[in-house]
Protein backbone atom coordinates (compact mmCIF):
# COMPACT_ATOMS: atom_id res chain seq x y z
CA MET A 1 -3.20 11.49 -0.78
CA ILE A 2 -5.03 11.04 2.54
CA LYS A 3 -1.96 11.74 4.66
CA GLY A 4 -1.03 14.77 2.54
CA THR A 5 -4.51 16.19 3.04
CA LEU A 6 -4.19 15.68 6.79
CA PHE A 7 -0.82 17.48 6.75
CA ASP A 8 -2.36 20.38 4.82
CA THR A 9 -5.30 20.59 7.21
CA LEU A 10 -3.69 19.84 10.59
CA GLY A 11 -0.09 20.86 9.95
CA TRP A 12 3.14 18.90 10.17
CA GLY A 13 5.92 18.58 12.65
CA ASP A 14 8.21 15.80 13.77
CA TRP A 15 8.46 12.07 13.08
CA ALA A 16 6.00 11.21 15.89
CA TRP A 17 3.37 13.53 14.38
CA SER A 18 3.92 12.02 10.94
CA ARG A 19 3.35 8.55 12.43
CA THR A 20 0.19 9.76 14.19
CA LEU A 21 -1.22 11.10 10.94
CA GLY A 22 -0.13 7.91 9.19
CA GLY A 23 -2.29 5.93 11.60
CA ALA A 24 -5.20 8.31 11.04
CA SER A 25 -4.73 7.92 7.28
CA TYR A 26 -5.10 4.17 7.55
CA ASP A 27 -8.16 4.55 9.79
CA LEU A 28 -9.74 6.71 7.10
CA LEU A 29 -8.74 4.31 4.31
CA PHE A 30 -10.26 1.35 6.15
CA GLY A 31 -13.39 3.40 6.84
CA PHE A 32 -13.72 4.17 3.13
CA LEU A 33 -13.18 0.49 2.28
CA GLU A 34 -15.83 -0.64 4.73
CA THR A 35 -18.33 1.89 3.38
CA LEU A 36 -17.76 0.62 -0.17
CA LEU A 37 -18.01 -3.02 0.90
CA GLN A 38 -21.21 -2.37 2.88
CA ALA A 39 -22.68 -0.95 -0.33
CA GLY A 40 -21.68 -4.10 -2.23
CA SER A 41 -19.16 -2.26 -4.40
CA SER A 42 -15.98 -3.70 -5.80
CA CYS A 43 -12.95 -1.60 -5.02
CA ILE A 44 -9.19 -1.34 -5.19
CA ALA A 45 -7.16 -0.31 -2.15
CA GLU A 46 -3.58 0.76 -2.80
CA SER A 47 -1.04 1.28 -0.06
CA ASN A 48 2.20 0.01 1.40
CA PHE A 49 0.20 -2.18 3.78
CA GLU A 50 2.15 -3.68 6.67
CA ALA A 51 1.98 -7.45 6.92
CA GLY A 52 0.89 -7.36 10.58
CA ARG A 53 -1.77 -4.90 11.63
CA ALA A 54 -3.10 -4.03 8.17
CA ALA A 55 -3.38 -7.69 7.21
CA ASP A 56 -5.48 -8.38 10.32
CA ARG A 57 -7.82 -5.51 9.47
CA LEU A 58 -8.13 -6.62 5.84
CA ARG A 59 -8.82 -10.23 6.91
CA GLY A 60 -11.57 -8.91 9.17
CA LEU A 61 -13.17 -7.11 6.22
CA CYS A 62 -12.87 -10.29 4.11
CA GLU A 63 -14.67 -12.29 6.79
CA THR A 64 -17.38 -9.69 7.39
CA TYR A 65 -18.17 -8.92 3.75
CA ARG A 66 -17.29 -12.29 2.19
CA PHE A 67 -15.18 -11.17 -0.73
CA MET A 68 -12.15 -12.72 -2.37
CA PRO A 69 -9.15 -10.38 -2.19
CA ILE A 70 -6.55 -10.18 -4.90
CA GLU A 71 -3.23 -8.96 -3.56
CA ILE A 72 -0.65 -7.46 -5.90
CA LEU A 73 2.71 -7.46 -4.15
CA CYS A 74 5.19 -5.23 -5.97
CA THR A 75 8.89 -5.82 -5.43
CA ALA A 76 12.12 -4.46 -6.89
CA ASP A 77 15.81 -4.83 -6.20
CA LEU A 78 17.21 -2.70 -3.38
CA GLU A 79 19.14 -0.29 -5.61
CA THR A 80 16.01 0.41 -7.67
CA LEU A 81 14.02 1.08 -4.49
CA ARG A 82 16.70 3.49 -3.26
CA ARG A 83 16.76 5.34 -6.60
CA ARG A 84 12.97 5.61 -6.78
CA TYR A 85 12.85 6.86 -3.20
CA ARG A 86 15.41 9.59 -3.93
CA VAL A 87 13.51 10.69 -7.04
CA ARG A 88 10.21 10.72 -5.16
CA LEU A 89 11.55 12.84 -2.28
CA ALA A 90 11.21 16.06 -4.26
CA SER A 91 7.48 15.56 -4.77
CA ARG A 92 6.54 14.20 -1.33
CA HIS A 93 4.87 16.43 1.22
CA VAL A 94 7.36 17.96 3.65
CA GLY A 95 5.23 16.58 6.50
CA HIS A 96 6.54 13.09 5.81
CA VAL A 97 9.84 14.32 7.33
CA ASP A 98 11.71 11.94 5.04
CA HIS A 99 15.04 13.47 6.01
CA LEU A 100 14.45 12.00 9.50
CA ASN A 101 13.38 8.49 8.50
CA ALA A 102 15.27 7.28 5.41
CA ALA A 103 16.82 4.43 7.42
CA THR A 104 13.35 3.32 8.52
CA HIS A 105 12.22 3.03 4.91
CA GLU A 106 15.25 0.99 3.91
CA ALA A 107 14.74 -1.37 6.85
CA ALA A 108 11.16 -1.91 5.67
CA TRP A 109 12.32 -2.68 2.12
CA THR A 110 14.72 -5.38 3.26
CA GLY A 111 12.51 -6.94 5.94
CA GLU A 112 9.15 -8.66 6.01
CA ARG A 113 7.21 -5.60 7.13
CA HIS A 114 5.78 -5.13 3.65
CA GLY A 115 5.68 -8.77 2.58
CA SER A 116 2.65 -10.73 1.50
CA LEU A 117 -0.48 -10.09 3.54
CA ASN A 118 -1.62 -13.72 3.22
CA LEU A 119 -5.29 -12.78 3.03
CA GLY A 120 -6.50 -16.12 1.74
CA GLY A 121 -7.27 -14.91 -1.76
CA GLN A 122 -5.18 -14.69 -4.89
CA SER A 123 -1.70 -13.25 -4.59
CA VAL A 124 0.21 -11.86 -7.57
CA ARG A 125 3.88 -11.01 -7.06
CA VAL A 126 5.31 -8.49 -9.54
CA ASP A 127 8.97 -7.56 -9.85
CA THR A 128 8.92 -3.91 -10.94
CA THR A 129 12.70 -3.51 -11.25
CA ALA A 130 12.35 -3.28 -15.04
CA PHE A 131 8.64 -2.77 -15.54
CA GLY A 132 7.60 -1.47 -18.93
CA LYS A 133 4.57 -1.57 -21.20
CA THR A 134 5.03 -5.27 -22.01
CA GLU A 135 5.10 -6.21 -18.32
CA GLN A 136 2.15 -3.91 -17.63
CA ASN A 137 0.06 -5.55 -20.35
CA ALA A 138 0.97 -9.02 -19.05
CA LEU A 139 -0.07 -8.01 -15.52
CA VAL A 140 -3.40 -6.60 -16.70
CA SER A 141 -4.08 -9.81 -18.65
CA ARG A 142 -3.17 -11.95 -15.64
CA LEU A 143 -5.44 -9.91 -13.36
CA ARG A 144 -8.35 -10.12 -15.81
CA ASN A 145 -7.96 -13.90 -15.89
CA THR A 146 -7.77 -14.04 -12.09
CA VAL A 147 -10.94 -11.96 -11.69
CA ALA A 148 -12.78 -13.99 -14.35
CA ALA A 149 -11.88 -17.24 -12.58
CA ALA A 150 -13.00 -15.99 -9.14
């Protein structure tokens, strides 16, 4: 949502511009998170966080604001990821220039770029290959128990 708004406001172009706005999107997201944490609010941050840079920034927030993170790491088999990506292409903003970076996405899916962030809190790994209502209910129950125990 943030990156799409930046595309709509500032325009779109090539892969380098998409990456620039991607960085700005994360800067905004982390700014929003910090504002909420400063106010003492609980919050949920959803993104395809990278295990390197994003994890360092999140750890910094954990240390500064003394909260216990709960990471939900969603996985799926490679063919499912490919299929979902193809389906999603039609609804993604043209500024993502997906036609120029499909190989980059696949490399991220098969590597450790989007692995666990190892933030020091609870980590819940969820295989979403076949994720229906039963699995959703089990996840919600597990998360409620995790939050209650924290």
